Amino acid sequence: MNRRRRARQLVLQILYQAEVGRFPLEDVLEEVRGERPREDWPFIVTLTAGVSDRRRTLDRLIKPHLSGWALDRLAAVDRIILRLAVYELQQGAPSPSIVINEAVELAKRYGGAASGRFVNGVLGAVARAGAGAGAAAGNPAGRGRREGSA
């Protein structure tokens, strides 16, 4: 498994623990970093903080594409995966298809039976609507780097 995929898994786990367990994000980050010191921590911290800090904005981008679902009624794992992927798309990910594929893989692994298809459909709609086109300057998520690089 490449470094970025492992990092995204950890980001999902960290955000899940913080949201569902209602633990302070900094405490969860510190605990996981102590357990996994060799991971890509600059990438993990950037994604975790970015999703956490922009949660309301990300939710506004996701909601119109839920086709009759309410964001707060989604499984927490699906909701967090969607936020994570939309955040990466907003940051000008070098390949939107990689971001979407990675999100679908996370959903298949950690979500319910239909999570992969659901996440794929929502992210496809978000991408088609151009929500990923508002890339921020100075992409902290890794613009210009190949996906598997450190």
Protein backbone atom coordinates (compact mmCIF):
# COMPACT_ATOMS: atom_id res chain seq x y z
CA MET A 1 0.00 0.00 0.00
CA ASN A 2 1.44 3.39 -0.92
CA ARG A 3 2.13 6.15 1.60
CA ARG A 4 -0.71 8.40 0.51
CA ARG A 5 -3.29 5.62 0.77
CA ARG A 6 -2.10 4.77 4.29
CA ALA A 7 -2.16 8.46 5.15
CA ARG A 8 -5.75 8.83 3.92
CA GLN A 9 -6.77 5.82 5.99
CA LEU A 10 -5.24 7.42 9.07
CA VAL A 11 -6.93 10.74 8.31
CA LEU A 12 -10.27 8.94 8.08
CA GLN A 13 -9.63 7.16 11.37
CA ILE A 14 -8.50 10.36 13.10
CA LEU A 15 -11.47 12.40 11.89
CA TYR A 16 -13.84 9.56 12.79
CA GLN A 17 -12.47 9.31 16.34
CA ALA A 18 -12.69 13.07 16.77
CA GLU A 19 -16.23 13.35 15.39
CA VAL A 20 -17.90 10.22 16.71
CA GLY A 21 -15.97 9.99 19.96
CA ARG A 22 -16.13 13.76 20.42
CA PHE A 23 -12.43 13.88 21.26
CA PRO A 24 -10.36 17.00 20.59
CA LEU A 25 -8.74 16.62 17.18
CA GLU A 26 -5.32 17.58 18.52
CA ASP A 27 -5.48 14.81 21.14
CA VAL A 28 -6.39 12.19 18.56
CA LEU A 29 -3.62 13.40 16.23
CA GLU A 30 -1.07 13.25 19.04
CA GLU A 31 -2.13 9.74 20.08
CA VAL A 32 -2.05 8.32 16.56
CA ARG A 33 1.26 10.03 15.78
CA GLY A 34 2.74 8.33 18.86
CA GLU A 35 1.51 4.96 17.60
CA ARG A 36 2.55 5.52 13.94
CA PRO A 37 5.55 7.88 13.88
CA ARG A 38 6.82 6.79 10.44
CA GLU A 39 3.77 7.92 8.46
CA ASP A 40 3.53 10.96 6.17
CA TRP A 41 2.61 13.36 8.97
CA PRO A 42 2.82 16.63 7.02
CA PHE A 43 0.22 15.25 4.58
CA ILE A 44 -1.90 13.74 7.37
CA VAL A 45 -1.92 16.95 9.44
CA THR A 46 -2.69 19.08 6.38
CA LEU A 47 -5.65 16.93 5.39
CA THR A 48 -6.96 16.51 8.92
CA ALA A 49 -6.75 20.21 9.75
CA GLY A 50 -8.10 21.24 6.35
CA VAL A 51 -11.17 19.01 6.58
CA SER A 52 -11.79 20.04 10.17
CA ASP A 53 -11.35 23.76 9.53
CA ARG A 54 -13.47 23.79 6.35
CA ARG A 55 -16.16 21.36 7.45
CA ARG A 56 -19.10 23.73 6.91
CA THR A 57 -17.89 24.77 3.46
CA LEU A 58 -17.31 21.16 2.46
CA ASP A 59 -20.76 20.20 3.70
CA ARG A 60 -22.33 22.99 1.59
CA LEU A 61 -20.57 21.61 -1.48
CA ILE A 62 -21.67 18.04 -0.77
CA LYS A 63 -25.33 18.59 0.24
CA PRO A 64 -26.75 19.44 -3.22
CA HIS A 65 -25.47 16.11 -4.58
CA LEU A 66 -26.94 13.77 -1.97
CA SER A 67 -30.15 13.01 -3.92
CA GLY A 68 -32.67 12.98 -1.11
CA TRP A 69 -30.25 12.20 1.69
CA ALA A 70 -29.50 14.56 4.57
CA LEU A 71 -25.80 14.88 5.37
CA ASP A 72 -26.38 14.34 9.08
CA ARG A 73 -28.26 11.10 8.30
CA LEU A 74 -25.33 9.55 6.40
CA ALA A 75 -23.11 7.01 8.07
CA ALA A 76 -20.28 8.91 9.76
CA VAL A 77 -17.67 7.05 7.70
CA ASP A 78 -19.31 8.01 4.40
CA ARG A 79 -19.73 11.63 5.50
CA ILE A 80 -16.07 11.91 6.52
CA ILE A 81 -14.84 10.25 3.33
CA LEU A 82 -16.88 12.70 1.26
CA ARG A 83 -15.48 15.67 3.18
CA LEU A 84 -11.94 14.38 2.82
CA ALA A 85 -12.24 13.84 -0.93
CA VAL A 86 -13.97 17.17 -1.58
CA TYR A 87 -11.28 18.93 0.45
CA GLU A 88 -8.58 17.31 -1.69
CA LEU A 89 -10.45 18.26 -4.85
CA GLN A 90 -10.73 21.84 -3.60
CA GLN A 91 -6.99 21.95 -3.02
CA GLY A 92 -6.32 21.18 -6.66
CA ALA A 93 -5.39 17.53 -6.38
CA PRO A 94 -3.07 16.55 -9.23
CA SER A 95 -5.58 13.94 -10.36
CA PRO A 96 -9.24 14.18 -9.37
CA SER A 97 -9.75 10.60 -10.54
CA ILE A 98 -7.13 9.37 -8.05
CA VAL A 99 -8.84 11.26 -5.22
CA ILE A 100 -12.23 9.80 -6.16
CA ASN A 101 -10.84 6.28 -6.58
CA GLU A 102 -9.07 6.47 -3.21
CA ALA A 103 -12.30 7.68 -1.56
CA VAL A 104 -14.25 4.82 -3.13
CA GLU A 105 -11.67 2.32 -1.85
CA LEU A 106 -11.92 3.79 1.66
CA ALA A 107 -15.71 3.55 1.46
CA LYS A 108 -15.59 -0.08 0.33
CA ARG A 109 -13.19 -0.96 3.12
CA TYR A 110 -14.70 0.99 6.01
CA GLY A 111 -18.29 1.70 4.96
CA GLY A 112 -21.39 -0.34 4.32
CA ALA A 113 -22.18 -2.59 1.37
CA ALA A 114 -23.32 0.27 -0.88
CA SER A 115 -20.85 2.90 0.37
CA GLY A 116 -18.44 2.59 -2.54
CA ARG A 117 -21.13 3.21 -5.15
CA PHE A 118 -22.69 5.99 -3.09
CA VAL A 119 -19.39 7.83 -2.54
CA ASN A 120 -18.48 7.42 -6.21
CA GLY A 121 -21.81 8.87 -7.33
CA VAL A 122 -21.70 11.84 -4.99
CA LEU A 123 -18.07 12.69 -5.76
CA GLY A 124 -18.67 12.31 -9.49
CA ALA A 125 -21.53 14.82 -9.22
CA VAL A 126 -19.41 17.18 -7.11
CA ALA A 127 -16.56 16.99 -9.63
CA ARG A 128 -18.90 17.56 -12.59
CA ALA A 129 -20.38 20.59 -10.82
CA GLY A 130 -16.89 22.04 -10.61
CA ALA A 131 -16.53 22.00 -6.83
CA GLY A 132 -12.97 20.85 -7.28
CA ALA A 133 -12.13 23.67 -9.65
CA GLY A 134 -11.62 26.23 -6.88
CA ALA A 135 -8.10 25.06 -6.14
CA ALA A 136 -6.35 27.14 -3.55
CA ALA A 137 -3.00 28.65 -4.33
CA GLY A 138 -0.07 26.95 -2.70
CA ASN A 139 -1.75 23.57 -2.54
CA PRO A 140 -0.85 21.99 0.80
CA ALA A 141 -2.24 18.64 -0.31
CA GLY A 142 0.56 18.06 -2.77
CA ARG A 143 0.01 19.82 -6.10
CA GLY A 144 2.78 19.05 -8.52
CA ARG A 145 3.82 15.84 -6.79
CA ARG A 146 3.03 12.44 -8.12
CA GLU A 147 0.57 10.50 -6.01
CA GLY A 148 2.96 7.88 -4.72
CA SER A 149 5.80 10.23 -3.87
CA ALA A 150 6.66 11.25 -0.34
